[in-house]
Amino acid sequence: MKNYQYQIIRYKHDLTTGEFVNVGVVIYSLENNFLRIEVAKDYTRACSFFPTVSQRYLQEKMQEIAQAFREIKVASLKIDNLKDISKLVLNEDDGCFEFTVPKNGIDISLEKATEDIFERYVNKHTSKPLNPQERQGILLMEIA
């Protein structure tokens, strides 16, 4: 069994109301040299909640977040808390995107855990659920 931490990435269009839509997940396990971010490929659901935001904007911002994760050298940092890693990518109270408080999990397969969490929190209420091949999963790095 493999222990891991995960966070949900949320888009909050209006910080006053606090309404949000889940747009991605991050899974991390220091012991298993695993860090992965998976983001929504289709932002139709988010745009139906918040009609004034464009899909292009959401796609670009999520790619920036994914790129920021790629640039982190986790192995050299030896960080054991996902919250500390995500703070390097996105400061708290930094605009419309936020990471939830990290939660812990245990699974036989970290890849399967990533798929399950993504399906439950991001892909569940899409009009046409995407299969794993259609989703935009990015293996960020294997920590040495």
Protein backbone atom coordinates (compact mmCIF):
# COMPACT_ATOMS: atom_id res chain seq x y z
CA MET A 1 0.00 0.00 0.00
CA LYS A 2 1.22 3.47 -0.87
CA ASN A 3 0.53 6.57 1.19
CA TYR A 4 -0.09 9.85 -0.62
CA GLN A 5 -1.45 13.36 -0.21
CA TYR A 6 -3.74 15.13 -2.64
CA GLN A 7 -5.22 18.54 -3.23
CA ILE A 8 -8.03 19.72 -5.46
CA ILE A 9 -7.40 22.78 -7.62
CA ARG A 10 -10.37 25.13 -7.61
CA TYR A 11 -11.31 28.07 -9.78
CA LYS A 12 -13.19 30.80 -7.87
CA HIS A 13 -14.62 33.32 -10.29
CA ASP A 14 -16.01 35.67 -7.65
CA LEU A 15 -14.02 35.77 -4.44
CA THR A 16 -16.87 37.55 -2.64
CA THR A 17 -19.40 34.74 -3.10
CA GLY A 18 -16.83 31.97 -2.75
CA GLU A 19 -18.44 29.87 -5.48
CA PHE A 20 -15.99 27.53 -7.18
CA VAL A 21 -15.57 24.72 -9.66
CA ASN A 22 -12.93 21.98 -9.39
CA VAL A 23 -10.49 22.08 -12.31
CA GLY A 24 -7.64 19.76 -11.34
CA VAL A 25 -5.93 17.54 -8.79
CA VAL A 26 -2.39 17.15 -7.49
CA ILE A 27 -1.15 13.88 -5.98
CA TYR A 28 2.12 13.59 -4.06
CA SER A 29 4.03 10.80 -2.35
CA LEU A 30 7.59 11.51 -1.23
CA GLU A 31 8.18 7.87 -0.24
CA ASN A 32 7.16 6.67 -3.70
CA ASN A 33 8.87 9.40 -5.75
CA PHE A 34 5.54 10.50 -7.21
CA LEU A 35 4.18 13.92 -8.06
CA ARG A 36 1.41 14.30 -10.59
CA ILE A 37 -1.02 17.01 -11.62
CA GLU A 38 -4.07 16.27 -13.70
CA VAL A 39 -6.16 19.12 -15.05
CA ALA A 40 -9.46 19.35 -16.86
CA LYS A 41 -9.24 19.27 -20.62
CA ASP A 42 -12.67 20.78 -21.22
CA TYR A 43 -13.81 23.84 -19.27
CA THR A 44 -17.39 23.92 -20.58
CA ARG A 45 -18.71 23.09 -17.12
CA ALA A 46 -16.73 25.93 -15.51
CA CYS A 47 -17.88 28.36 -18.18
CA SER A 48 -21.51 27.33 -17.68
CA PHE A 49 -21.16 28.25 -14.00
CA PHE A 50 -19.33 31.46 -14.78
CA PRO A 51 -20.35 32.69 -18.27
CA THR A 52 -17.95 35.66 -18.26
CA VAL A 53 -14.82 33.51 -18.08
CA SER A 54 -13.33 32.08 -21.26
CA GLN A 55 -12.23 28.50 -21.75
CA ARG A 56 -9.01 29.76 -23.26
CA TYR A 57 -8.18 31.73 -20.11
CA LEU A 58 -8.78 28.68 -17.91
CA GLN A 59 -6.70 26.43 -20.17
CA GLU A 60 -3.80 28.89 -20.23
CA LYS A 61 -3.84 29.43 -16.45
CA MET A 62 -3.98 25.71 -15.74
CA GLN A 63 -1.06 25.11 -18.10
CA GLU A 64 0.90 27.80 -16.23
CA ILE A 65 0.18 26.02 -12.95
CA ALA A 66 1.23 22.67 -14.44
CA GLN A 67 4.43 24.24 -15.80
CA ALA A 68 5.22 25.72 -12.39
CA PHE A 69 4.97 22.23 -10.88
CA ARG A 70 7.35 20.90 -13.55
CA GLU A 71 9.95 23.49 -12.58
CA ILE A 72 10.03 22.45 -8.91
CA LYS A 73 12.98 20.26 -7.97
CA VAL A 74 11.16 18.25 -5.32
CA ALA A 75 13.93 15.72 -4.78
CA SER A 76 16.36 18.39 -3.66
CA LEU A 77 13.79 20.07 -1.41
CA LYS A 78 12.83 16.90 0.49
CA ILE A 79 9.42 18.39 1.23
CA ASP A 80 7.04 15.96 2.87
CA ASN A 81 3.92 18.17 2.88
CA LEU A 82 2.03 18.82 -0.36
CA LYS A 83 0.77 22.16 0.98
CA ASP A 84 4.36 23.44 1.11
CA ILE A 85 4.90 22.37 -2.51
CA SER A 86 1.70 23.96 -3.76
CA LYS A 87 2.63 27.24 -2.00
CA LEU A 88 5.68 27.36 -4.28
CA VAL A 89 3.32 27.24 -7.27
CA LEU A 90 0.48 29.45 -6.11
CA ASN A 91 0.39 31.70 -3.07
CA GLU A 92 -2.65 31.54 -0.82
CA ASP A 93 -5.08 34.34 -1.65
CA ASP A 94 -3.46 34.61 -5.10
CA GLY A 95 -6.29 35.33 -7.48
CA CYS A 96 -8.99 32.97 -8.66
CA PHE A 97 -7.18 29.65 -8.30
CA GLU A 98 -6.63 27.84 -5.02
CA PHE A 99 -5.54 24.48 -3.67
CA THR A 100 -7.66 22.79 -1.02
CA VAL A 101 -6.19 21.67 2.28
CA PRO A 102 -4.21 18.47 1.61
CA LYS A 103 -5.96 15.19 2.33
CA ASN A 104 -4.30 11.82 2.87
CA GLY A 105 -4.96 8.59 1.05
CA ILE A 106 -3.64 5.08 0.67
CA ASP A 107 -3.85 2.90 -2.42
CA ILE A 108 -2.09 0.07 -4.20
CA SER A 109 -1.50 2.23 -7.29
CA LEU A 110 -0.79 5.95 -7.23
CA GLU A 111 -1.75 6.19 -10.90
CA LYS A 112 -5.14 4.59 -10.17
CA ALA A 113 -5.61 6.84 -7.12
CA THR A 114 -4.97 9.86 -9.36
CA GLU A 115 -7.58 8.67 -11.88
CA ASP A 116 -10.14 7.96 -9.16
CA ILE A 117 -9.68 11.32 -7.43
CA PHE A 118 -9.81 13.17 -10.74
CA GLU A 119 -13.03 11.37 -11.70
CA ARG A 120 -14.65 12.02 -8.32
CA TYR A 121 -13.76 15.69 -7.92
CA VAL A 122 -13.28 17.11 -11.43
CA ASN A 123 -14.83 14.92 -14.09
CA LYS A 124 -17.89 13.57 -12.26
CA HIS A 125 -20.44 16.18 -13.33
CA THR A 126 -19.27 16.88 -16.85
CA SER A 127 -21.89 16.38 -19.52
CA LYS A 128 -19.64 13.90 -21.30
CA PRO A 129 -17.18 12.27 -18.89
CA LEU A 130 -13.75 11.89 -20.44
CA ASN A 131 -11.98 8.56 -20.41
CA PRO A 132 -8.36 8.44 -19.15
CA GLN A 133 -6.94 8.69 -22.70
CA GLU A 134 -8.90 11.90 -23.33
CA ARG A 135 -7.84 13.56 -20.09
CA GLN A 136 -4.76 15.70 -19.89
CA GLY A 137 -2.64 13.94 -17.29
CA ILE A 138 0.91 15.17 -16.88
CA LEU A 139 3.50 13.09 -15.09
CA LEU A 140 5.59 15.88 -13.68
CA MET A 141 8.61 14.16 -12.27
CA GLU A 142 9.83 11.05 -10.61
CA ILE A 143 11.84 12.04 -7.57
CA ALA A 144 15.24 10.40 -7.22
